[in-house]
Structure formats: structure tokens, C-alpha cells
N, C-alpha and C. Protein backbone atom coordinates (compact mmCIF):
# COMPACT_ATOMS: atom_id res chain seq x y z
N MET A 1 51.00 243.05 160.09
CA MET A 1 51.14 242.07 161.16
C MET A 1 51.10 240.64 160.61
N ARG A 2 50.16 240.40 159.67
CA ARG A 2 50.06 239.07 159.07
C ARG A 2 51.33 238.69 158.33
N LEU A 3 51.90 239.66 157.63
CA LEU A 3 53.14 239.39 156.89
C LEU A 3 54.26 238.99 157.85
N LYS A 4 54.32 239.66 159.00
CA LYS A 4 55.34 239.35 160.00
C LYS A 4 55.18 237.90 160.46
N TRP A 5 53.96 237.47 160.77
CA TRP A 5 53.74 236.09 161.24
C TRP A 5 54.01 235.08 160.12
N LEU A 6 53.68 235.46 158.90
CA LEU A 6 53.97 234.57 157.77
C LEU A 6 55.47 234.38 157.61
N LEU A 7 56.23 235.44 157.74
CA LEU A 7 57.69 235.34 157.66
C LEU A 7 58.26 234.50 158.79
N VAL A 8 57.71 234.67 160.00
CA VAL A 8 58.16 233.86 161.13
C VAL A 8 57.87 232.39 160.88
N LEU A 9 56.67 232.08 160.38
CA LEU A 9 56.31 230.70 160.09
C LEU A 9 57.21 230.10 159.03
N LEU A 10 57.51 230.87 157.99
CA LEU A 10 58.41 230.39 156.94
C LEU A 10 59.81 230.12 157.48
N MET A 11 60.28 230.99 158.36
CA MET A 11 61.60 230.79 158.95
C MET A 11 61.62 229.54 159.83
N VAL A 12 60.58 229.33 160.60
CA VAL A 12 60.50 228.14 161.46
C VAL A 12 60.44 226.88 160.60
N PHE A 13 59.63 226.92 159.54
CA PHE A 13 59.52 225.77 158.64
C PHE A 13 60.86 225.47 157.98
N GLY A 14 61.55 226.51 157.51
CA GLY A 14 62.86 226.33 156.88
C GLY A 14 63.88 225.76 157.86
N ALA A 15 63.86 226.25 159.10
CA ALA A 15 64.79 225.73 160.11
C ALA A 15 64.51 224.27 160.41
N TYR A 16 63.22 223.92 160.49
CA TYR A 16 62.86 222.52 160.73
C TYR A 16 63.31 221.64 159.57
N GLN A 17 63.09 222.08 158.34
CA GLN A 17 63.50 221.30 157.18
C GLN A 17 65.02 221.09 157.19
N HIS A 18 65.76 222.12 157.51
CA HIS A 18 67.22 222.02 157.56
C HIS A 18 67.65 221.05 158.66
N TRP A 19 67.05 221.16 159.84
CA TRP A 19 67.39 220.28 160.96
C TRP A 19 67.02 218.83 160.63
N HIS A 20 65.86 218.62 160.04
CA HIS A 20 65.37 217.28 159.74
C HIS A 20 66.23 216.59 158.67
N ALA A 21 66.79 217.36 157.75
CA ALA A 21 67.56 216.78 156.64
C ALA A 21 69.02 216.55 156.98
N ARG A 22 69.43 216.93 158.20
CA ARG A 22 70.86 216.77 158.53
C ARG A 22 71.23 215.29 158.57
N PRO A 23 72.46 214.96 158.22
CA PRO A 23 72.91 213.57 158.29
C PRO A 23 72.87 213.05 159.73
N VAL A 24 72.69 211.74 159.89
CA VAL A 24 72.61 211.17 161.23
C VAL A 24 73.93 211.29 161.97
N SER A 25 75.04 211.21 161.24
CA SER A 25 76.34 211.32 161.89
C SER A 25 77.40 211.66 160.86
N THR A 26 78.33 212.46 161.28
CA THR A 26 79.46 212.74 160.40
C THR A 26 80.60 211.76 160.67
N HIS A 27 80.44 210.87 161.68
CA HIS A 27 81.48 209.92 162.06
C HIS A 27 80.97 208.49 161.92
N MET A 28 80.53 208.12 160.72
CA MET A 28 80.05 206.77 160.49
C MET A 28 81.23 205.81 160.38
N THR A 29 81.01 204.57 160.77
CA THR A 29 82.05 203.55 160.71
C THR A 29 82.50 203.34 159.27
N PRO A 30 83.81 203.41 158.99
CA PRO A 30 84.29 203.21 157.62
C PRO A 30 84.03 201.78 157.15
N GLY A 31 83.95 201.63 155.84
CA GLY A 31 83.75 200.32 155.24
C GLY A 31 82.37 200.17 154.64
N ILE A 32 82.21 199.13 153.83
CA ILE A 32 80.93 198.87 153.18
C ILE A 32 79.91 198.43 154.23
N ALA A 33 78.83 199.18 154.36
CA ALA A 33 77.80 198.87 155.35
C ALA A 33 76.77 197.89 154.81
N VAL A 34 76.55 197.90 153.49
CA VAL A 34 75.56 197.03 152.86
C VAL A 34 76.22 196.38 151.65
N ALA A 35 76.49 195.09 151.75
CA ALA A 35 77.20 194.39 150.67
C ALA A 35 76.26 193.93 149.56
N ASP A 36 75.02 193.59 149.90
CA ASP A 36 74.12 192.97 148.93
C ASP A 36 73.41 193.99 148.05
N ASP A 37 73.21 193.60 146.78
CA ASP A 37 72.41 194.40 145.86
C ASP A 37 70.93 194.29 146.25
N PRO A 38 70.11 195.26 145.85
CA PRO A 38 68.66 195.12 146.04
C PRO A 38 68.15 193.85 145.35
N ARG A 39 67.13 193.23 145.94
CA ARG A 39 66.55 192.02 145.37
C ARG A 39 65.25 192.36 144.66
N GLN A 40 65.14 191.94 143.42
CA GLN A 40 63.95 192.15 142.61
C GLN A 40 63.50 190.80 142.06
N THR A 41 62.25 190.46 142.26
CA THR A 41 61.73 189.18 141.77
C THR A 41 60.46 189.42 140.97
N GLU A 42 60.29 188.63 139.93
CA GLU A 42 59.11 188.76 139.08
C GLU A 42 57.85 188.40 139.87
N VAL A 43 56.76 189.01 139.46
CA VAL A 43 55.46 188.70 140.06
C VAL A 43 54.54 188.20 138.95
N ASP A 44 53.71 187.24 139.28
CA ASP A 44 52.75 186.69 138.32
C ASP A 44 51.35 187.17 138.67
N SER A 45 50.80 187.98 137.79
CA SER A 45 49.40 188.37 137.89
C SER A 45 49.00 188.96 139.23
N VAL A 46 49.84 189.85 139.77
CA VAL A 46 49.42 190.58 140.97
C VAL A 46 48.45 191.65 140.53
N PRO A 47 47.22 191.65 141.05
CA PRO A 47 46.22 192.60 140.55
C PRO A 47 46.57 194.04 140.91
N ALA A 48 46.16 194.94 140.04
CA ALA A 48 46.30 196.37 140.31
C ALA A 48 45.34 196.77 141.42
N PHE A 49 45.63 197.89 142.06
CA PHE A 49 44.76 198.40 143.13
C PHE A 49 44.75 199.93 143.06
N GLN A 50 43.84 200.53 143.78
CA GLN A 50 43.70 201.99 143.78
C GLN A 50 44.35 202.61 145.00
N LYS A 51 44.96 203.75 144.81
CA LYS A 51 45.38 204.62 145.91
C LYS A 51 44.91 206.02 145.54
N GLY A 52 43.88 206.46 146.19
CA GLY A 52 43.27 207.74 145.81
C GLY A 52 42.74 207.65 144.40
N HIS A 53 43.16 208.60 143.55
CA HIS A 53 42.72 208.63 142.16
C HIS A 53 43.66 207.88 141.22
N TYR A 54 44.60 207.13 141.78
CA TYR A 54 45.62 206.48 140.97
C TYR A 54 45.48 204.96 141.00
N ARG A 55 45.73 204.35 139.85
CA ARG A 55 45.75 202.89 139.75
C ARG A 55 47.21 202.46 139.86
N ILE A 56 47.50 201.54 140.76
CA ILE A 56 48.85 201.07 141.02
C ILE A 56 48.97 199.63 140.53
N GLN A 57 49.89 199.40 139.59
CA GLN A 57 50.12 198.06 139.07
C GLN A 57 51.50 197.56 139.51
N PRO A 58 51.55 196.54 140.37
CA PRO A 58 52.85 195.96 140.74
C PRO A 58 53.55 195.36 139.53
N LEU A 59 54.86 195.64 139.39
CA LEU A 59 55.67 195.12 138.29
C LEU A 59 56.65 194.06 138.76
N ALA A 60 57.15 194.21 139.99
CA ALA A 60 58.13 193.27 140.54
C ALA A 60 58.17 193.43 142.05
N ARG A 61 58.42 192.33 142.75
CA ARG A 61 58.64 192.39 144.18
C ARG A 61 60.01 193.04 144.40
N PHE A 62 60.16 193.87 145.43
CA PHE A 62 61.40 194.62 145.62
C PHE A 62 61.76 194.70 147.09
N ASP A 63 62.99 194.31 147.39
CA ASP A 63 63.54 194.41 148.75
C ASP A 63 64.90 195.08 148.66
N ILE A 64 65.13 196.05 149.51
CA ILE A 64 66.41 196.75 149.50
C ILE A 64 66.84 197.07 150.92
N GLN A 65 68.12 196.88 151.16
CA GLN A 65 68.77 197.41 152.35
C GLN A 65 69.89 198.30 151.83
N ALA A 66 69.93 199.55 152.29
CA ALA A 66 70.88 200.50 151.72
C ALA A 66 71.13 201.65 152.67
N ARG A 67 72.22 202.39 152.39
CA ARG A 67 72.45 203.63 153.12
C ARG A 67 71.71 204.75 152.42
N VAL A 68 71.07 205.60 153.19
CA VAL A 68 70.37 206.76 152.62
C VAL A 68 71.40 207.84 152.32
N LEU A 69 71.52 208.18 151.05
CA LEU A 69 72.47 209.20 150.61
C LEU A 69 71.84 210.59 150.64
N GLY A 70 70.53 210.63 150.53
CA GLY A 70 69.80 211.89 150.55
C GLY A 70 68.32 211.64 150.67
N ALA A 71 67.60 212.60 151.23
CA ALA A 71 66.14 212.52 151.35
C ALA A 71 65.57 213.87 150.94
N GLU A 72 64.70 213.84 149.95
CA GLU A 72 64.09 215.08 149.44
C GLU A 72 62.57 214.96 149.57
N HIS A 73 61.97 215.95 150.21
CA HIS A 73 60.52 215.93 150.45
C HIS A 73 59.81 216.82 149.44
N TYR A 74 58.67 216.36 148.96
CA TYR A 74 57.91 217.09 147.94
C TYR A 74 56.49 217.35 148.43
N HIS A 75 56.00 218.55 148.12
CA HIS A 75 54.67 218.95 148.55
C HIS A 75 53.84 219.52 147.41
N MET A 76 54.50 220.06 146.37
CA MET A 76 53.79 220.87 145.38
C MET A 76 53.54 220.17 144.05
N ASP A 77 54.38 219.23 143.65
CA ASP A 77 54.19 218.61 142.35
C ASP A 77 53.07 217.58 142.39
N ARG A 78 52.56 217.22 141.23
CA ARG A 78 51.47 216.25 141.18
C ARG A 78 51.87 214.93 141.83
N GLU A 79 53.11 214.53 141.61
CA GLU A 79 53.58 213.26 142.12
C GLU A 79 53.57 213.19 143.64
N ALA A 80 53.57 214.35 144.32
CA ALA A 80 53.55 214.37 145.78
C ALA A 80 52.29 213.74 146.34
N ASP A 81 51.20 213.70 145.55
CA ASP A 81 49.99 212.99 145.97
C ASP A 81 50.31 211.54 146.32
N LEU A 82 51.21 210.94 145.54
CA LEU A 82 51.58 209.54 145.74
C LEU A 82 52.88 209.40 146.52
N SER A 83 53.87 210.18 146.14
CA SER A 83 55.22 210.01 146.67
C SER A 83 55.70 211.30 147.32
N PRO A 84 55.55 211.43 148.64
CA PRO A 84 55.96 212.67 149.30
C PRO A 84 57.45 212.77 149.55
N VAL A 85 58.20 211.67 149.32
CA VAL A 85 59.64 211.70 149.59
C VAL A 85 60.37 210.83 148.58
N ASP A 86 61.53 211.34 148.13
CA ASP A 86 62.48 210.56 147.34
C ASP A 86 63.66 210.25 148.25
N LEU A 87 64.14 209.02 148.19
CA LEU A 87 65.36 208.64 148.90
C LEU A 87 66.42 208.27 147.87
N ALA A 88 67.57 208.91 147.94
CA ALA A 88 68.73 208.46 147.18
C ALA A 88 69.38 207.38 148.03
N MET A 89 69.57 206.20 147.43
CA MET A 89 70.02 205.03 148.19
C MET A 89 71.34 204.53 147.62
N GLY A 90 72.21 204.02 148.50
CA GLY A 90 73.48 203.47 148.06
C GLY A 90 73.78 202.14 148.73
N TRP A 91 74.38 201.23 147.99
CA TRP A 91 74.76 199.91 148.51
C TRP A 91 76.14 199.57 147.94
N GLY A 92 76.73 198.49 148.43
CA GLY A 92 78.09 198.18 148.00
C GLY A 92 79.02 199.33 148.36
N ALA A 93 79.92 199.68 147.45
CA ALA A 93 80.86 200.78 147.71
C ALA A 93 80.15 202.09 148.01
N MET A 94 78.94 202.25 147.51
CA MET A 94 78.19 203.48 147.75
C MET A 94 77.50 203.51 149.12
N SER A 95 77.83 202.54 149.97
CA SER A 95 77.40 202.60 151.37
C SER A 95 78.59 202.83 152.30
N ASP A 96 79.77 203.03 151.73
CA ASP A 96 81.00 203.23 152.49
C ASP A 96 81.23 204.72 152.73
N PRO A 97 81.21 205.17 153.99
CA PRO A 97 81.39 206.60 154.27
C PRO A 97 82.69 207.18 153.73
N GLU A 98 83.73 206.36 153.67
CA GLU A 98 85.02 206.85 153.16
C GLU A 98 84.93 207.18 151.67
N ILE A 99 84.15 206.42 150.94
CA ILE A 99 83.90 206.72 149.52
C ILE A 99 82.96 207.92 149.41
N LEU A 100 81.90 207.91 150.19
CA LEU A 100 80.86 208.93 150.08
C LEU A 100 81.36 210.33 150.42
N ARG A 101 82.34 210.44 151.30
CA ARG A 101 82.82 211.79 151.66
C ARG A 101 83.55 212.44 150.49
N ARG A 102 83.86 211.67 149.45
CA ARG A 102 84.54 212.21 148.26
C ARG A 102 83.57 212.40 147.10
N ILE A 103 82.28 212.22 147.36
CA ILE A 103 81.24 212.40 146.34
C ILE A 103 80.23 213.42 146.84
N GLU A 104 80.02 214.46 146.07
CA GLU A 104 79.02 215.47 146.42
C GLU A 104 77.67 215.00 145.89
N ILE A 105 76.69 214.90 146.79
CA ILE A 105 75.37 214.35 146.44
C ILE A 105 74.30 215.39 146.71
N SER A 106 73.36 215.52 145.76
CA SER A 106 72.23 216.42 145.95
C SER A 106 71.00 215.84 145.25
N GLN A 107 69.85 216.39 145.56
CA GLN A 107 68.60 215.98 144.95
C GLN A 107 67.77 217.21 144.63
N GLY A 108 66.88 217.07 143.65
CA GLY A 108 65.95 218.14 143.31
C GLY A 108 65.21 217.81 142.05
N GLY A 109 63.96 218.26 141.97
CA GLY A 109 63.16 218.03 140.77
C GLY A 109 62.97 216.57 140.44
N ARG A 110 62.96 215.73 141.49
CA ARG A 110 62.78 214.27 141.35
C ARG A 110 63.99 213.57 140.75
N PHE A 111 65.15 214.24 140.79
CA PHE A 111 66.40 213.63 140.33
C PHE A 111 67.40 213.59 141.48
N TYR A 112 68.39 212.72 141.33
CA TYR A 112 69.53 212.60 142.25
C TYR A 112 70.78 212.92 141.44
N TYR A 113 71.62 213.78 142.00
CA TYR A 113 72.82 214.22 141.30
C TYR A 113 74.05 213.90 142.14
N TRP A 114 75.14 213.60 141.46
CA TRP A 114 76.41 213.41 142.16
C TRP A 114 77.51 214.11 141.35
N HIS A 115 78.55 214.50 142.08
CA HIS A 115 79.69 215.17 141.45
C HIS A 115 80.96 214.74 142.18
N VAL A 116 82.02 214.51 141.43
CA VAL A 116 83.32 214.20 142.02
C VAL A 116 84.39 215.07 141.36
N ASP A 117 85.40 215.42 142.13
CA ASP A 117 86.58 216.06 141.55
C ASP A 117 87.52 215.01 140.99
N ALA A 118 87.59 213.87 141.67
CA ALA A 118 88.36 212.72 141.20
C ALA A 118 87.58 211.48 141.64
N PHE A 119 87.49 210.50 140.76
CA PHE A 119 86.68 209.33 141.06
C PHE A 119 87.32 208.46 142.15
N PRO A 120 86.62 208.26 143.28
CA PRO A 120 87.14 207.36 144.31
C PRO A 120 86.91 205.89 143.95
N ILE A 121 85.94 205.65 143.09
CA ILE A 121 85.63 204.33 142.54
C ILE A 121 85.23 204.56 141.08
N PRO A 122 85.21 203.53 140.24
CA PRO A 122 84.83 203.75 138.85
C PRO A 122 83.42 204.35 138.72
N ARG A 123 83.25 205.18 137.71
CA ARG A 123 81.95 205.83 137.44
C ARG A 123 80.82 204.81 137.38
N GLU A 124 81.06 203.70 136.69
CA GLU A 124 80.02 202.69 136.54
C GLU A 124 79.58 202.14 137.89
N GLU A 125 80.49 202.04 138.84
CA GLU A 125 80.13 201.54 140.16
C GLU A 125 79.24 202.52 140.91
N ILE A 126 79.51 203.81 140.74
CA ILE A 126 78.62 204.83 141.33
C ILE A 126 77.22 204.68 140.73
N GLU A 127 77.15 204.54 139.40
CA GLU A 127 75.86 204.50 138.70
C GLU A 127 75.07 203.23 138.99
N THR A 128 75.75 202.11 139.22
CA THR A 128 75.04 200.84 139.41
C THR A 128 74.85 200.47 140.87
N HIS A 129 75.41 201.27 141.78
CA HIS A 129 75.27 200.98 143.21
C HIS A 129 74.62 202.13 143.97
N SER A 130 73.91 202.97 143.24
CA SER A 130 73.11 204.02 143.88
C SER A 130 71.96 204.36 142.95
N ALA A 131 70.89 204.87 143.54
CA ALA A 131 69.71 205.22 142.75
C ALA A 131 68.82 206.17 143.52
N ASN A 132 68.07 206.96 142.77
CA ASN A 132 67.02 207.79 143.35
C ASN A 132 65.73 206.99 143.31
N MET A 133 65.04 206.91 144.43
CA MET A 133 63.83 206.10 144.50
C MET A 133 62.67 206.93 145.02
N HIS A 134 61.58 206.93 144.25
CA HIS A 134 60.35 207.63 144.63
C HIS A 134 59.53 206.68 145.50
N MET A 135 59.29 207.09 146.74
CA MET A 135 58.63 206.21 147.70
C MET A 135 57.13 206.50 147.79
N ILE A 136 56.33 205.46 147.57
CA ILE A 136 54.87 205.55 147.74
C ILE A 136 54.52 204.78 149.00
N PRO A 137 54.14 205.45 150.07
CA PRO A 137 53.80 204.73 151.30
C PRO A 137 52.47 204.00 151.17
N ALA A 138 52.43 202.76 151.69
CA ALA A 138 51.21 201.97 151.62
C ALA A 138 50.13 202.49 152.57
N ASP A 139 50.54 203.18 153.64
CA ASP A 139 49.57 203.73 154.59
C ASP A 139 50.21 204.90 155.35
N ASP A 140 49.44 205.51 156.24
CA ASP A 140 49.92 206.69 156.95
C ASP A 140 51.10 206.38 157.87
N ARG A 141 51.11 205.20 158.48
CA ARG A 141 52.21 204.82 159.36
C ARG A 141 53.52 204.74 158.58
N ILE A 142 53.46 204.11 157.40
CA ILE A 142 54.65 204.03 156.54
C ILE A 142 55.06 205.42 156.08
N ALA A 143 54.08 206.27 155.77
CA ALA A 143 54.39 207.65 155.35
C ALA A 143 55.17 208.38 156.44
N ASP A 144 54.73 208.24 157.70
CA ASP A 144 55.43 208.88 158.81
C ASP A 144 56.85 208.35 158.94
N GLN A 145 57.02 207.03 158.79
CA GLN A 145 58.35 206.44 158.90
C GLN A 145 59.26 206.94 157.78
N LEU A 146 58.73 207.01 156.56
CA LEU A 146 59.54 207.46 155.42
C LEU A 146 59.98 208.90 155.58
N THR A 147 59.08 209.76 156.05
CA THR A 147 59.43 211.18 156.16
C THR A 147 60.38 211.45 157.31
N SER A 148 60.57 210.48 158.22
CA SER A 148 61.50 210.68 159.33
C SER A 148 62.90 210.16 159.01
N ILE A 149 63.08 209.51 157.86
CA ILE A 149 64.39 208.96 157.49
C ILE A 149 65.36 210.10 157.17
N ARG A 150 66.61 209.95 157.65
CA ARG A 150 67.62 210.98 157.44
C ARG A 150 68.82 210.42 156.70
N PRO A 151 69.52 211.27 155.95
CA PRO A 151 70.74 210.83 155.26
C PRO A 151 71.73 210.21 156.24
N GLY A 152 72.38 209.15 155.80
CA GLY A 152 73.35 208.45 156.63
C GLY A 152 72.80 207.18 157.24
N GLU A 153 71.48 207.11 157.43
CA GLU A 153 70.87 205.92 158.02
C GLU A 153 70.96 204.72 157.08
N ILE A 154 71.00 203.53 157.67
CA ILE A 154 70.84 202.29 156.93
C ILE A 154 69.39 201.87 157.12
N VAL A 155 68.69 201.66 156.00
CA VAL A 155 67.28 201.28 156.08
C VAL A 155 67.01 200.04 155.25
N LYS A 156 65.96 199.33 155.64
CA LYS A 156 65.50 198.16 154.90
C LYS A 156 64.06 198.43 154.48
N LEU A 157 63.78 198.30 153.18
CA LEU A 157 62.44 198.55 152.64
C LEU A 157 61.96 197.30 151.91
N HIS A 158 60.67 197.07 152.00
CA HIS A 158 60.05 195.90 151.36
C HIS A 158 58.78 196.36 150.67
N GLY A 159 58.58 195.92 149.42
CA GLY A 159 57.36 196.30 148.70
C GLY A 159 57.41 195.86 147.25
N TYR A 160 56.96 196.75 146.36
CA TYR A 160 56.91 196.46 144.93
C TYR A 160 57.46 197.63 144.13
N LEU A 161 58.06 197.33 142.99
CA LEU A 161 58.26 198.33 141.94
C LEU A 161 56.96 198.39 141.17
N VAL A 162 56.47 199.60 140.86
CA VAL A 162 55.12 199.73 140.34
C VAL A 162 55.04 200.71 139.17
N GLU A 163 53.89 200.66 138.52
CA GLU A 163 53.49 201.69 137.56
C GLU A 163 52.21 202.31 138.08
N ALA A 164 52.16 203.64 138.08
CA ALA A 164 50.97 204.37 138.52
C ALA A 164 50.36 205.09 137.33
N THR A 165 49.04 205.02 137.21
CA THR A 165 48.34 205.69 136.12
C THR A 165 47.11 206.41 136.66
N ALA A 166 46.64 207.38 135.89
CA ALA A 166 45.43 208.12 136.25
C ALA A 166 44.51 208.18 135.03
N GLU A 167 43.25 208.47 135.26
CA GLU A 167 42.26 208.47 134.18
C GLU A 167 42.53 209.52 133.13
N ASP A 168 43.25 210.59 133.47
CA ASP A 168 43.53 211.65 132.50
C ASP A 168 44.73 211.34 131.60
N GLY A 169 45.29 210.13 131.72
CA GLY A 169 46.40 209.73 130.87
C GLY A 169 47.77 209.85 131.52
N TRP A 170 47.83 210.50 132.68
CA TRP A 170 49.09 210.62 133.40
C TRP A 170 49.59 209.24 133.80
N HIS A 171 50.91 209.03 133.72
CA HIS A 171 51.47 207.76 134.18
C HIS A 171 52.89 207.96 134.69
N TRP A 172 53.31 207.03 135.52
CA TRP A 172 54.63 207.08 136.16
C TRP A 172 55.06 205.63 136.33
N ARG A 173 56.16 205.24 135.70
CA ARG A 173 56.57 203.83 135.69
C ARG A 173 57.97 203.67 136.27
N SER A 174 58.13 202.67 137.10
CA SER A 174 59.42 202.39 137.71
C SER A 174 60.41 201.82 136.70
N SER A 175 61.67 202.15 136.90
CA SER A 175 62.74 201.41 136.23
C SER A 175 62.76 200.00 136.80
N LEU A 176 63.17 199.05 136.00
CA LEU A 176 63.27 197.66 136.45
C LEU A 176 64.71 197.16 136.40
N THR A 177 65.66 198.09 136.36
CA THR A 177 67.07 197.71 136.36
C THR A 177 67.85 198.73 137.18
N ARG A 178 68.99 198.31 137.70
CA ARG A 178 69.82 199.23 138.50
C ARG A 178 70.94 199.85 137.68
N ASN A 179 71.06 199.51 136.41
CA ASN A 179 72.19 200.04 135.64
C ASN A 179 71.78 201.03 134.57
N ASP A 180 70.60 201.64 134.70
CA ASP A 180 70.23 202.73 133.79
C ASP A 180 70.48 204.07 134.48
N THR A 181 70.54 205.13 133.69
CA THR A 181 70.77 206.47 134.23
C THR A 181 69.87 207.47 133.51
N GLY A 182 69.72 208.65 134.10
CA GLY A 182 68.95 209.72 133.46
C GLY A 182 67.46 209.58 133.69
N ALA A 183 66.69 210.32 132.90
CA ALA A 183 65.22 210.33 133.03
C ALA A 183 64.68 208.92 132.83
N GLY A 184 63.77 208.52 133.71
CA GLY A 184 63.17 207.19 133.63
C GLY A 184 63.96 206.12 134.35
N ALA A 185 65.12 206.48 134.94
CA ALA A 185 65.97 205.48 135.59
C ALA A 185 65.64 205.28 137.07
N CYS A 186 64.75 206.10 137.61
CA CYS A 186 64.43 206.00 139.04
C CYS A 186 63.46 204.84 139.30
N GLU A 187 63.55 204.31 140.50
CA GLU A 187 62.60 203.30 140.94
C GLU A 187 61.40 203.98 141.58
N LEU A 188 60.22 203.47 141.26
CA LEU A 188 58.98 203.91 141.88
C LEU A 188 58.54 202.77 142.79
N VAL A 189 58.65 202.99 144.10
CA VAL A 189 58.53 201.89 145.07
C VAL A 189 57.28 202.04 145.91
N TRP A 190 56.40 201.03 145.83
CA TRP A 190 55.27 200.91 146.77
C TRP A 190 55.84 200.26 148.03
N VAL A 191 55.87 201.03 149.13
CA VAL A 191 56.55 200.59 150.35
C VAL A 191 55.55 200.01 151.33
N GLU A 192 55.72 198.71 151.64
CA GLU A 192 54.84 198.03 152.59
C GLU A 192 55.45 197.95 153.98
N SER A 193 56.78 197.99 154.06
CA SER A 193 57.42 198.03 155.37
C SER A 193 58.75 198.76 155.26
N VAL A 194 59.12 199.43 156.33
CA VAL A 194 60.38 200.17 156.39
C VAL A 194 60.96 200.00 157.78
N GLU A 195 62.26 199.78 157.83
CA GLU A 195 62.94 199.58 159.10
C GLU A 195 64.29 200.28 159.06
N ALA A 196 64.54 201.12 160.06
CA ALA A 196 65.85 201.75 160.20
C ALA A 196 66.72 200.81 161.02
N LEU A 197 67.92 200.53 160.53
CA LEU A 197 68.82 199.55 161.18
C LEU A 197 69.92 200.25 161.98
């Protein structure tokens, strides 16, 4: 009997995850929705602070408005203590639904992947106008807002790019550029405000 209820719960959870991750619309207005690049500004001597067992050191002020290309939720890895959701974000040409429908996008294992059969825009433009971002919510309200974000939405986020460390030597550091790729290229974002537009 317990196994039956466990299977039912797993099916309900899976259905909810599938429903929650669906794109907001398959009929988005064509054209570039977000023209501006993310804004990053240097910070002078912003003190580190604690979040749970982790020390958070701000590296740069960070503001972004972008289309959400994907949202992946994490529960089991160590990083989920800090960052329960990754958002793949796109701006410039990577916020244009006409371009995006020709790019296959997926996420997993804290990475963002894309695939094309034929490039709708140059490869470099895909790489420099989209990124996987690990979101660290500043509080429970921000956490709720982040976990409700769905692919296709335009969102505005404000906070810091950060480095997180723990006493056992574990560390996680944000990229500080938008034109890197591969391991270490993701942004680690301390999110102080989030707004769906």
C-alpha cells in the first residue's frame, strides 16, 4: 500500500514539475525583446556576509533584464543549499522568439546546452548573448519568486555576482564576463530583487 502511495506522489510531483516548466507562450511577439546587455559594475570593499554555512563575497554589482530560455530546479546537489534554481537567460538576438525557435535549449547538471541544425545567427552571438545563471535568493520571498519563473518570461534581476565559500574548502565563484563558455562560465548571482515584466 505504501509503495502505491509513493508512486502516486511521484507521478503527481512529476506532473507538477512538467506543468510548472512549460513555456509561458508559444506565440510570443517576434523581434528582440531585450536590446541591452546585462550591466556589471565594480564594487569597492563590499563586506562578505553569511548565508547559512556559506560565506558570500560580492564581486560586482549586477543588473540584468532578459528572456528566460530555461529554468532548472535543483534539490539534491550541495549547491542547492544556496541556489535552488538555474535560469538560462538570453538578451539581444537571444531574446527574439523567431531566433529561439531554431535553437534547441536544455539544462542539466548545472549547465545550459544549445543545439542548432543550422545557425540562425553567428555562433559567437549565441555564446555572448545567453548564459546559465545560478540564482542565490537573498530571502524566502525572492526564493518563491525565482522558483515561479517560467521559460519565455522577460525578467529583471538586481543583485551581485558573488563567490561562495565554506569552511571545508568548498567554493563556487561567478564568471565576471559574458563571453566565456564551458565550466566556470556561469554567473553566480545573489538576487536582491526580481520582477517579471
